[in-house]
Amino acid sequence: MPSLRRTTPQHLPSRLGSARFLLSACIGQHIGDRREQQDRAGVFTSRRASGCALAVVADGMGGRTGGALAAEQVLSTSRTLFDDFNPAHQSVPDLLAEIIREAHTVIQLTGATAEKEPHSTFAAMVIQPDLVSWAHVGDSRLYYFKGSKLEFRTTDHSYVEHLIRIGKLDREGAAHHRMGHVLTSALGTEKPPVIDFGETRDIAAGDSFLLCTDGLWHYFSDEELGQMVTAGSAREASESLIEHARYRARGKGDNCTFAIVKLLENDAA
C-alpha cells in the first residue's frame, strides 16, 4: 500500500509583525500510484533572520532516481541559503533567485555526471513580519487564501497554459489535455529557468497559503482548495486533501506533496 507521511503541525512563534501572528505549518505527502516519491517539501526558520520562515515545494522529474535527486537538491539548497539569509543585506526576491540559480546549476551538473536528465519545479514563499514574498518555476503552485476566498495563485509555466494565454484552449480543455504535463520552464534544463515573483503586505490572521505539486491541484478546483485548506487545522486540512486526492485519482495518482501555512492570532501577545 502506498505510504503516507504526515507531520505534526509546526507552531512558529517568530515575533511576526510585533508578535501579531503564530504560524501553523503542516507538510502532506503521498507517493500516489508511482514506484518512487520524487517530490520534496519543507518548512524552515533561519538562524539569522528572526521572524522569518521559508516554505518550499519541488516536483522532481527525470526517471528512476533522477527526479528525486533534483527535488532533493532544491530542498537542500533552499535550507542552506535560507539559514544564512540576512534581510539587512539581501532582499527576499534576491534570495529566492539565488536559490533557483544555484539549484538549477547543480541539477545540470548532476545530470551531466550521472547521465540522467533530472529536472525539478520550484515553488517557495518567505514570510516576514509584515510581508510575504514568493517565487515559482514550472507547474508547482502557490495559493493565497483570505478565509476560504482565493486572493491569488501562480500561473503555470506549461504548454497548456501557453495555449490558454493565446486563446486556443479554455480551462476545461486544459484539465484533460494530452500534453498537460509538458512544462515550458523548469530547473535543470538547458535553458535558464523563467522565474515569476510575487508578494503581499496585506496579511492578517486567518490567511492561509498552500504550496503544492500537480499531484494535488490536478484534482481540485480553486474553490474546493480554499474551502478545504481553511476548514480546521493545518493537520486536519492536510489529511482531508490527501484523502480526497487519492479517491479522485482512482488508482492512477501521481506523487502528491504540499505545504500548508496558516497565520493564527497570537493570543499570548
C-alpha atoms as a PDB file:
ATOM      1  CA  MET A   1       0.000   0.000   0.000  1.00  0.00           C
ATOM      2  CA  PRO A   2       1.349   3.479  -0.825  1.00  0.00           C
ATOM      3  CA  SER A   3       2.903   5.180   2.170  1.00  0.00           C
ATOM      4  CA  LEU A   4       1.520   8.368   3.676  1.00  0.00           C
ATOM      5  CA  ARG A   5       3.745  10.810   5.524  1.00  0.00           C
ATOM      6  CA  ARG A   6       2.128  13.459   7.665  1.00  0.00           C
ATOM      7  CA  THR A   7       3.868  15.833  10.007  1.00  0.00           C
ATOM      8  CA  THR A   8       2.664  17.286  13.252  1.00  0.00           C
ATOM      9  CA  PRO A   9       1.856  20.962  12.658  1.00  0.00           C
ATOM     10  CA  GLN A  10       4.739  23.256  13.458  1.00  0.00           C
ATOM     11  CA  HIS A  11       3.868  26.330  15.534  1.00  0.00           C
ATOM     12  CA  LEU A  12       6.474  29.003  14.926  1.00  0.00           C
ATOM     13  CA  PRO A  13       6.094  31.950  17.350  1.00  0.00           C
ATOM     14  CA  SER A  14       8.582  34.053  15.430  1.00  0.00           C
ATOM     15  CA  ARG A  15       7.527  37.552  16.586  1.00  0.00           C
ATOM     16  CA  LEU A  16       5.843  38.170  13.267  1.00  0.00           C
ATOM     17  CA  GLY A  17       4.702  41.772  12.981  1.00  0.00           C
ATOM     18  CA  SER A  18       5.164  42.735  16.646  1.00  0.00           C
ATOM     19  CA  ALA A  19       4.034  39.271  17.716  1.00  0.00           C
ATOM     20  CA  ARG A  20       0.763  39.597  15.800  1.00  0.00           C
ATOM     21  CA  PHE A  21       0.790  36.035  14.444  1.00  0.00           C
ATOM     22  CA  LEU A  22       1.761  32.478  15.027  1.00  0.00           C
ATOM     23  CA  LEU A  23       2.461  30.271  12.042  1.00  0.00           C
ATOM     24  CA  SER A  24       0.880  26.839  11.894  1.00  0.00           C
ATOM     25  CA  ALA A  25       2.517  24.782   9.148  1.00  0.00           C
ATOM     26  CA  CYS A  26       1.970  21.214   8.000  1.00  0.00           C
ATOM     27  CA  ILE A  27       3.510  19.149   5.208  1.00  0.00           C
ATOM     28  CA  GLY A  28       1.430  16.455   3.495  1.00  0.00           C
ATOM     29  CA  GLN A  29       2.853  13.845   1.159  1.00  0.00           C
ATOM     30  CA  HIS A  30       1.695  10.661  -0.566  1.00  0.00           C
ATOM     31  CA  ILE A  31       3.557   8.521  -3.080  1.00  0.00           C
ATOM     32  CA  GLY A  32       0.347   8.057  -5.064  1.00  0.00           C
ATOM     33  CA  ASP A  33       0.425   5.164  -7.508  1.00  0.00           C
ATOM     34  CA  ARG A  34       4.045   5.659  -8.531  1.00  0.00           C
ATOM     35  CA  ARG A  35       7.002   3.451  -7.655  1.00  0.00           C
ATOM     36  CA  GLU A  36       9.050   6.303  -6.245  1.00  0.00           C
ATOM     37  CA  GLN A  37       8.391   9.529  -4.371  1.00  0.00           C
ATOM     38  CA  GLN A  38      10.109  12.274  -6.394  1.00  0.00           C
ATOM     39  CA  ASP A  39       8.540  15.275  -4.645  1.00  0.00           C
ATOM     40  CA  ARG A  40      10.054  17.156  -1.733  1.00  0.00           C
ATOM     41  CA  ALA A  41       8.727  19.817   0.649  1.00  0.00           C
ATOM     42  CA  GLY A  42       9.983  21.660   3.705  1.00  0.00           C
ATOM     43  CA  VAL A  43       9.252  24.495   6.111  1.00  0.00           C
ATOM     44  CA  PHE A  44      12.265  26.188   7.720  1.00  0.00           C
ATOM     45  CA  THR A  45      13.245  29.034  10.016  1.00  0.00           C
ATOM     46  CA  SER A  46      16.523  30.926   9.740  1.00  0.00           C
ATOM     47  CA  ARG A  47      19.191  31.351  12.409  1.00  0.00           C
ATOM     48  CA  ARG A  48      19.953  34.881  11.188  1.00  0.00           C
ATOM     49  CA  ALA A  49      16.534  36.173  10.108  1.00  0.00           C
ATOM     50  CA  SER A  50      14.400  36.394  13.231  1.00  0.00           C
ATOM     51  CA  GLY A  51      10.693  36.388  12.476  1.00  0.00           C
ATOM     52  CA  CYS A  52      11.105  34.775   9.034  1.00  0.00           C
ATOM     53  CA  ALA A  53      10.050  31.372   7.731  1.00  0.00           C
ATOM     54  CA  LEU A  54      10.516  29.641   4.376  1.00  0.00           C
ATOM     55  CA  ALA A  55       8.205  27.049   2.807  1.00  0.00           C
ATOM     56  CA  VAL A  56       9.275  25.252  -0.377  1.00  0.00           C
ATOM     57  CA  VAL A  57       7.880  22.513  -2.637  1.00  0.00           C
ATOM     58  CA  ALA A  58       9.692  20.763  -5.507  1.00  0.00           C
ATOM     59  CA  ASP A  59       8.397  18.204  -8.016  1.00  0.00           C
ATOM     60  CA  GLY A  60      11.283  16.174  -9.430  1.00  0.00           C
ATOM     61  CA  MET A  61      11.315  14.670 -12.914  1.00  0.00           C
ATOM     62  CA  GLY A  62      13.821  12.588 -14.785  1.00  0.00           C
ATOM     63  CA  GLY A  63      13.098   8.900 -14.438  1.00  0.00           C
ATOM     64  CA  ARG A  64      14.343   6.443 -11.842  1.00  0.00           C
ATOM     65  CA  THR A  65      16.190   8.380  -9.148  1.00  0.00           C
ATOM     66  CA  GLY A  66      16.902  11.465 -11.291  1.00  0.00           C
ATOM     67  CA  GLY A  67      13.769  13.372 -10.305  1.00  0.00           C
ATOM     68  CA  ALA A  68      14.190  12.629  -6.620  1.00  0.00           C
ATOM     69  CA  LEU A  69      17.795  13.847  -6.737  1.00  0.00           C
ATOM     70  CA  ALA A  70      16.721  17.078  -8.433  1.00  0.00           C
ATOM     71  CA  ALA A  71      13.964  17.805  -5.924  1.00  0.00           C
ATOM     72  CA  GLU A  72      16.260  16.959  -3.018  1.00  0.00           C
ATOM     73  CA  GLN A  73      18.807  19.407  -4.389  1.00  0.00           C
ATOM     74  CA  VAL A  74      16.158  22.135  -4.451  1.00  0.00           C
ATOM     75  CA  LEU A  75      15.302  21.431  -0.824  1.00  0.00           C
ATOM     76  CA  SER A  76      18.894  21.279   0.434  1.00  0.00           C
ATOM     77  CA  THR A  77      19.864  24.452  -1.434  1.00  0.00           C
ATOM     78  CA  SER A  78      16.830  26.259  -0.052  1.00  0.00           C
ATOM     79  CA  ARG A  79      17.594  25.186   3.501  1.00  0.00           C
ATOM     80  CA  THR A  80      21.295  26.112   3.295  1.00  0.00           C
ATOM     81  CA  LEU A  81      20.861  29.543   1.724  1.00  0.00           C
ATOM     82  CA  PHE A  82      17.901  30.480   3.922  1.00  0.00           C
ATOM     83  CA  ASP A  83      19.824  29.520   7.043  1.00  0.00           C
ATOM     84  CA  ASP A  84      22.374  32.203   6.121  1.00  0.00           C
ATOM     85  CA  PHE A  85      19.762  34.732   4.943  1.00  0.00           C
ATOM     86  CA  ASN A  86      20.121  38.198   6.436  1.00  0.00           C
ATOM     87  CA  PRO A  87      17.292  40.576   5.413  1.00  0.00           C
ATOM     88  CA  ALA A  88      19.501  43.560   6.266  1.00  0.00           C
ATOM     89  CA  HIS A  89      21.841  42.644   3.418  1.00  0.00           C
ATOM     90  CA  GLN A  90      19.676  40.767   0.915  1.00  0.00           C
ATOM     91  CA  SER A  91      16.111  41.085  -0.340  1.00  0.00           C
ATOM     92  CA  VAL A  92      13.816  38.062  -0.390  1.00  0.00           C
ATOM     93  CA  PRO A  93      13.431  38.110  -4.211  1.00  0.00           C
ATOM     94  CA  ASP A  94      17.234  38.066  -4.482  1.00  0.00           C
ATOM     95  CA  LEU A  95      17.379  35.164  -2.039  1.00  0.00           C
ATOM     96  CA  LEU A  96      14.784  33.159  -3.963  1.00  0.00           C
ATOM     97  CA  ALA A  97      16.510  33.896  -7.264  1.00  0.00           C
ATOM     98  CA  GLU A  98      19.832  32.762  -5.781  1.00  0.00           C
ATOM     99  CA  ILE A  99      18.272  29.502  -4.571  1.00  0.00           C
ATOM    100  CA  ILE A 100      16.828  28.850  -8.025  1.00  0.00           C
ATOM    101  CA  ARG A 101      20.058  29.673  -9.871  1.00  0.00           C
ATOM    102  CA  GLU A 102      22.233  27.546  -7.596  1.00  0.00           C
ATOM    103  CA  ALA A 103      19.870  24.562  -7.584  1.00  0.00           C
ATOM    104  CA  HIS A 104      19.488  24.834 -11.358  1.00  0.00           C
ATOM    105  CA  THR A 105      23.257  24.723 -11.873  1.00  0.00           C
ATOM    106  CA  VAL A 106      23.821  21.801  -9.504  1.00  0.00           C
ATOM    107  CA  ILE A 107      20.979  19.800 -11.080  1.00  0.00           C
ATOM    108  CA  GLN A 108      22.526  20.403 -14.513  1.00  0.00           C
ATOM    109  CA  LEU A 109      25.896  19.151 -13.259  1.00  0.00           C
ATOM    110  CA  THR A 110      24.270  16.128 -11.665  1.00  0.00           C
ATOM    111  CA  GLY A 111      22.613  15.256 -14.948  1.00  0.00           C
ATOM    112  CA  ALA A 112      25.873  15.543 -16.855  1.00  0.00           C
ATOM    113  CA  THR A 113      27.867  13.358 -14.477  1.00  0.00           C
ATOM    114  CA  ALA A 114      25.178  10.737 -13.831  1.00  0.00           C
ATOM    115  CA  GLU A 115      23.962  10.510 -17.445  1.00  0.00           C
ATOM    116  CA  LYS A 116      20.421  11.291 -16.362  1.00  0.00           C
ATOM    117  CA  GLU A 117      18.014  14.097 -17.184  1.00  0.00           C
ATOM    118  CA  PRO A 118      16.942  15.415 -13.775  1.00  0.00           C
ATOM    119  CA  HIS A 119      14.617  18.407 -13.626  1.00  0.00           C
ATOM    120  CA  SER A 120      12.505  19.981 -10.916  1.00  0.00           C
ATOM    121  CA  THR A 121       9.801  22.547 -10.400  1.00  0.00           C
ATOM    122  CA  PHE A 122      10.072  25.138  -7.637  1.00  0.00           C
ATOM    123  CA  ALA A 123       7.519  26.980  -5.516  1.00  0.00           C
ATOM    124  CA  ALA A 124       8.545  28.825  -2.377  1.00  0.00           C
ATOM    125  CA  MET A 125       7.428  31.609  -0.072  1.00  0.00           C
ATOM    126  CA  VAL A 126       9.138  33.600   2.675  1.00  0.00           C
ATOM    127  CA  ILE A 127       7.078  35.086   5.490  1.00  0.00           C
ATOM    128  CA  GLN A 128       8.477  38.194   7.173  1.00  0.00           C
ATOM    129  CA  PRO A 129       6.837  40.237   9.942  1.00  0.00           C
ATOM    130  CA  ASP A 130       4.910  42.445   7.505  1.00  0.00           C
ATOM    131  CA  LEU A 131       5.472  40.864   4.101  1.00  0.00           C
ATOM    132  CA  VAL A 132       5.031  37.553   2.290  1.00  0.00           C
ATOM    133  CA  SER A 133       7.092  37.039  -0.872  1.00  0.00           C
ATOM    134  CA  TRP A 134       7.126  34.111  -3.278  1.00  0.00           C
ATOM    135  CA  ALA A 135       8.619  32.744  -6.488  1.00  0.00           C
ATOM    136  CA  HIS A 136       7.885  29.761  -8.704  1.00  0.00           C
ATOM    137  CA  VAL A 137       9.180  27.862 -11.716  1.00  0.00           C
ATOM    138  CA  GLY A 138       7.153  25.191 -13.549  1.00  0.00           C
ATOM    139  CA  ASP A 139       3.720  23.944 -12.526  1.00  0.00           C
ATOM    140  CA  SER A 140       4.050  23.623  -8.773  1.00  0.00           C
ATOM    141  CA  ARG A 141       1.722  26.283  -7.421  1.00  0.00           C
ATOM    142  CA  LEU A 142       1.251  28.778  -4.625  1.00  0.00           C
ATOM    143  CA  TYR A 143      -2.291  29.627  -3.497  1.00  0.00           C
ATOM    144  CA  TYR A 144      -3.106  32.529  -1.162  1.00  0.00           C
ATOM    145  CA  PHE A 145      -6.461  32.493   0.625  1.00  0.00           C
ATOM    146  CA  LYS A 146      -8.200  35.063   2.823  1.00  0.00           C
ATOM    147  CA  GLY A 147     -10.633  32.922   4.696  1.00  0.00           C
ATOM    148  CA  SER A 148     -11.739  30.487   2.004  1.00  0.00           C
ATOM    149  CA  LYS A 149     -11.591  33.125  -0.753  1.00  0.00           C
ATOM    150  CA  LEU A 150      -8.777  32.835  -3.277  1.00  0.00           C
ATOM    151  CA  GLU A 151      -6.720  36.029  -3.352  1.00  0.00           C
ATOM    152  CA  PHE A 152      -4.028  34.811  -5.723  1.00  0.00           C
ATOM    153  CA  ARG A 153      -2.484  31.781  -7.328  1.00  0.00           C
ATOM    154  CA  THR A 154       0.560  31.395  -9.537  1.00  0.00           C
ATOM    155  CA  THR A 155       0.281  30.725 -13.272  1.00  0.00           C
ATOM    156  CA  ASP A 156       1.927  27.526 -14.503  1.00  0.00           C
ATOM    157  CA  HIS A 157       4.871  27.536 -16.862  1.00  0.00           C
ATOM    158  CA  SER A 158       3.306  24.869 -19.062  1.00  0.00           C
ATOM    159  CA  TYR A 159       2.319  24.239 -22.655  1.00  0.00           C
ATOM    160  CA  VAL A 160      -1.412  24.183 -21.895  1.00  0.00           C
ATOM    161  CA  GLU A 161      -1.131  27.492 -20.019  1.00  0.00           C
ATOM    162  CA  HIS A 162       0.529  28.923 -23.139  1.00  0.00           C
ATOM    163  CA  LEU A 163      -2.422  27.690 -25.222  1.00  0.00           C
ATOM    164  CA  ILE A 164      -4.844  29.308 -22.782  1.00  0.00           C
ATOM    165  CA  ARG A 165      -2.936  32.593 -22.901  1.00  0.00           C
ATOM    166  CA  ILE A 166      -3.109  32.794 -26.708  1.00  0.00           C
ATOM    167  CA  GLY A 167      -6.776  31.829 -26.754  1.00  0.00           C
ATOM    168  CA  LYS A 168      -6.510  28.322 -28.233  1.00  0.00           C
ATOM    169  CA  LEU A 169      -7.664  26.432 -25.138  1.00  0.00           C
ATOM    170  CA  ASP A 170     -10.024  27.018 -22.226  1.00  0.00           C
ATOM    171  CA  ARG A 171      -9.649  25.901 -18.608  1.00  0.00           C
ATOM    172  CA  GLU A 172     -11.952  22.942 -19.030  1.00  0.00           C
ATOM    173  CA  GLY A 173      -9.991  21.671 -22.006  1.00  0.00           C
ATOM    174  CA  ALA A 174      -6.688  22.219 -20.222  1.00  0.00           C
ATOM    175  CA  ALA A 175      -7.723  19.898 -17.393  1.00  0.00           C
ATOM    176  CA  HIS A 176      -7.828  16.936 -19.783  1.00  0.00           C
ATOM    177  CA  HIS A 177      -5.291  17.921 -22.439  1.00  0.00           C
ATOM    178  CA  ARG A 178      -2.929  15.120 -23.503  1.00  0.00           C
ATOM    179  CA  MET A 179       0.064  17.463 -23.167  1.00  0.00           C
ATOM    180  CA  GLY A 180      -0.904  18.820 -19.793  1.00  0.00           C
ATOM    181  CA  HIS A 181       2.329  17.546 -18.243  1.00  0.00           C
ATOM    182  CA  VAL A 182       4.639  19.434 -20.649  1.00  0.00           C
ATOM    183  CA  LEU A 183       6.470  22.316 -18.959  1.00  0.00           C
ATOM    184  CA  THR A 184       7.937  25.403 -20.624  1.00  0.00           C
ATOM    185  CA  SER A 185      10.329  26.088 -17.739  1.00  0.00           C
ATOM    186  CA  ALA A 186      11.997  24.005 -15.021  1.00  0.00           C
ATOM    187  CA  LEU A 187      15.211  23.766 -13.034  1.00  0.00           C
ATOM    188  CA  GLY A 188      17.971  21.661 -14.597  1.00  0.00           C
ATOM    189  CA  THR A 189      17.034  22.132 -18.249  1.00  0.00           C
ATOM    190  CA  GLU A 190      19.339  23.595 -20.910  1.00  0.00           C
ATOM    191  CA  LYS A 191      17.629  26.979 -20.772  1.00  0.00           C
ATOM    192  CA  PRO A 192      17.758  29.242 -17.701  1.00  0.00           C
ATOM    193  CA  PRO A 193      14.516  28.903 -15.718  1.00  0.00           C
ATOM    194  CA  VAL A 194      11.792  31.519 -16.074  1.00  0.00           C
ATOM    195  CA  ILE A 195      11.001  32.889 -12.607  1.00  0.00           C
ATOM    196  CA  ASP A 196       7.764  34.563 -11.557  1.00  0.00           C
ATOM    197  CA  PHE A 197       7.807  36.613  -8.360  1.00  0.00           C
ATOM    198  CA  GLY A 198       5.021  37.997  -6.189  1.00  0.00           C
ATOM    199  CA  GLU A 199       4.382  39.498  -2.765  1.00  0.00           C
ATOM    200  CA  THR A 200       1.714  40.884  -0.466  1.00  0.00           C
ATOM    201  CA  ARG A 201       1.741  43.133   2.585  1.00  0.00           C
ATOM    202  CA  ASP A 202      -1.965  42.662   3.190  1.00  0.00           C
ATOM    203  CA  ILE A 203      -1.550  39.764   5.619  1.00  0.00           C
ATOM    204  CA  ALA A 204      -3.797  39.092   8.585  1.00  0.00           C
ATOM    205  CA  ALA A 205      -4.730  36.360  10.998  1.00  0.00           C
ATOM    206  CA  GLY A 206      -6.933  33.876   9.157  1.00  0.00           C
ATOM    207  CA  ASP A 207      -4.890  33.989   5.952  1.00  0.00           C
ATOM    208  CA  SER A 208      -3.651  30.675   4.534  1.00  0.00           C
ATOM    209  CA  PHE A 209      -1.068  29.662   1.945  1.00  0.00           C
ATOM    210  CA  LEU A 210      -0.854  26.401   0.028  1.00  0.00           C
ATOM    211  CA  LEU A 211       2.224  25.303  -1.922  1.00  0.00           C
ATOM    212  CA  CYS A 212       1.644  22.121  -3.904  1.00  0.00           C
ATOM    213  CA  THR A 213       2.678  19.902  -6.800  1.00  0.00           C
ATOM    214  CA  ASP A 214       0.351  18.965  -9.641  1.00  0.00           C
ATOM    215  CA  GLY A 215      -0.306  15.646  -7.925  1.00  0.00           C
ATOM    216  CA  LEU A 216      -2.586  17.634  -5.615  1.00  0.00           C
ATOM    217  CA  TRP A 217      -4.008  20.604  -7.518  1.00  0.00           C
ATOM    218  CA  HIS A 218      -4.952  18.477 -10.542  1.00  0.00           C
ATOM    219  CA  TYR A 219      -7.883  17.002  -8.578  1.00  0.00           C
ATOM    220  CA  PHE A 220      -9.423  20.183  -7.181  1.00  0.00           C
ATOM    221  CA  SER A 221     -10.942  23.459  -8.284  1.00  0.00           C
ATOM    222  CA  ASP A 222      -9.597  26.653  -6.724  1.00  0.00           C
ATOM    223  CA  GLU A 223     -12.821  26.989  -4.747  1.00  0.00           C
ATOM    224  CA  GLU A 224     -12.536  23.473  -3.338  1.00  0.00           C
ATOM    225  CA  LEU A 225      -8.970  24.060  -2.248  1.00  0.00           C
ATOM    226  CA  GLY A 226      -9.957  27.263  -0.461  1.00  0.00           C
ATOM    227  CA  GLN A 227     -12.717  25.510   1.432  1.00  0.00           C
ATOM    228  CA  MET A 228     -10.590  22.513   2.394  1.00  0.00           C
ATOM    229  CA  VAL A 229      -7.427  24.391   3.343  1.00  0.00           C
ATOM    230  CA  THR A 230      -9.322  26.727   5.665  1.00  0.00           C
ATOM    231  CA  ALA A 231     -11.568  24.079   7.254  1.00  0.00           C
ATOM    232  CA  GLY A 232      -9.926  23.070  10.522  1.00  0.00           C
ATOM    233  CA  SER A 233      -6.264  22.994  11.457  1.00  0.00           C
ATOM    234  CA  ALA A 234      -3.371  22.653   9.017  1.00  0.00           C
ATOM    235  CA  ARG A 235      -3.053  18.991  10.033  1.00  0.00           C
ATOM    236  CA  GLU A 236      -6.774  18.298   9.519  1.00  0.00           C
ATOM    237  CA  ALA A 237      -6.736  20.064   6.147  1.00  0.00           C
ATOM    238  CA  SER A 238      -3.710  18.014   5.065  1.00  0.00           C
ATOM    239  CA  GLU A 239      -5.364  14.712   5.889  1.00  0.00           C
ATOM    240  CA  SER A 240      -8.561  15.710   4.103  1.00  0.00           C
ATOM    241  CA  LEU A 241      -6.732  16.848   0.966  1.00  0.00           C
ATOM    242  CA  ILE A 242      -4.792  13.610   0.674  1.00  0.00           C
ATOM    243  CA  GLU A 243      -7.887  11.508   1.271  1.00  0.00           C
ATOM    244  CA  HIS A 244      -9.859  13.305  -1.445  1.00  0.00           C
ATOM    245  CA  ALA A 245      -6.960  13.356  -3.904  1.00  0.00           C
ATOM    246  CA  ARG A 246      -6.471   9.616  -3.523  1.00  0.00           C
ATOM    247  CA  TYR A 247     -10.168   8.955  -4.054  1.00  0.00           C
ATOM    248  CA  ARG A 248     -10.304  11.093  -7.184  1.00  0.00           C
ATOM    249  CA  ALA A 249      -7.097   9.618  -8.632  1.00  0.00           C
ATOM    250  CA  ARG A 250      -8.816   6.205  -8.848  1.00  0.00           C
ATOM    251  CA  GLY A 251      -5.576   4.260  -8.760  1.00  0.00           C
ATOM    252  CA  LYS A 252      -3.711   6.472 -11.248  1.00  0.00           C
ATOM    253  CA  GLY A 253      -2.395   9.206  -8.994  1.00  0.00           C
ATOM    254  CA  ASP A 254       0.930  10.983  -9.229  1.00  0.00           C
ATOM    255  CA  ASN A 255       3.118  11.873  -6.238  1.00  0.00           C
ATOM    256  CA  CYS A 256       1.132  14.298  -4.087  1.00  0.00           C
ATOM    257  CA  THR A 257       3.042  16.822  -1.989  1.00  0.00           C
ATOM    258  CA  PHE A 258       2.144  20.131  -0.387  1.00  0.00           C
ATOM    259  CA  ALA A 259       2.777  22.546   2.468  1.00  0.00           C
ATOM    260  CA  ILE A 260       0.031  24.475   4.245  1.00  0.00           C
ATOM    261  CA  VAL A 261       0.905  27.622   6.207  1.00  0.00           C
ATOM    262  CA  LYS A 262      -1.742  29.380   8.297  1.00  0.00           C
ATOM    263  CA  LEU A 263      -1.472  32.738  10.066  1.00  0.00           C
ATOM    264  CA  LEU A 264      -3.034  32.486  13.527  1.00  0.00           C
ATOM    265  CA  GLU A 265      -3.814  35.070  16.177  1.00  0.00           C
ATOM    266  CA  ASN A 266      -1.106  35.170  18.816  1.00  0.00           C
ATOM    267  CA  ASP A 267      -3.332  35.117  21.876  1.00  0.00           C
ATOM    268  CA  ALA A 268      -0.276  35.118  24.103  1.00  0.00           C
ATOM    269  CA  ALA A 269       0.597  38.591  22.836  1.00  0.00           C
END
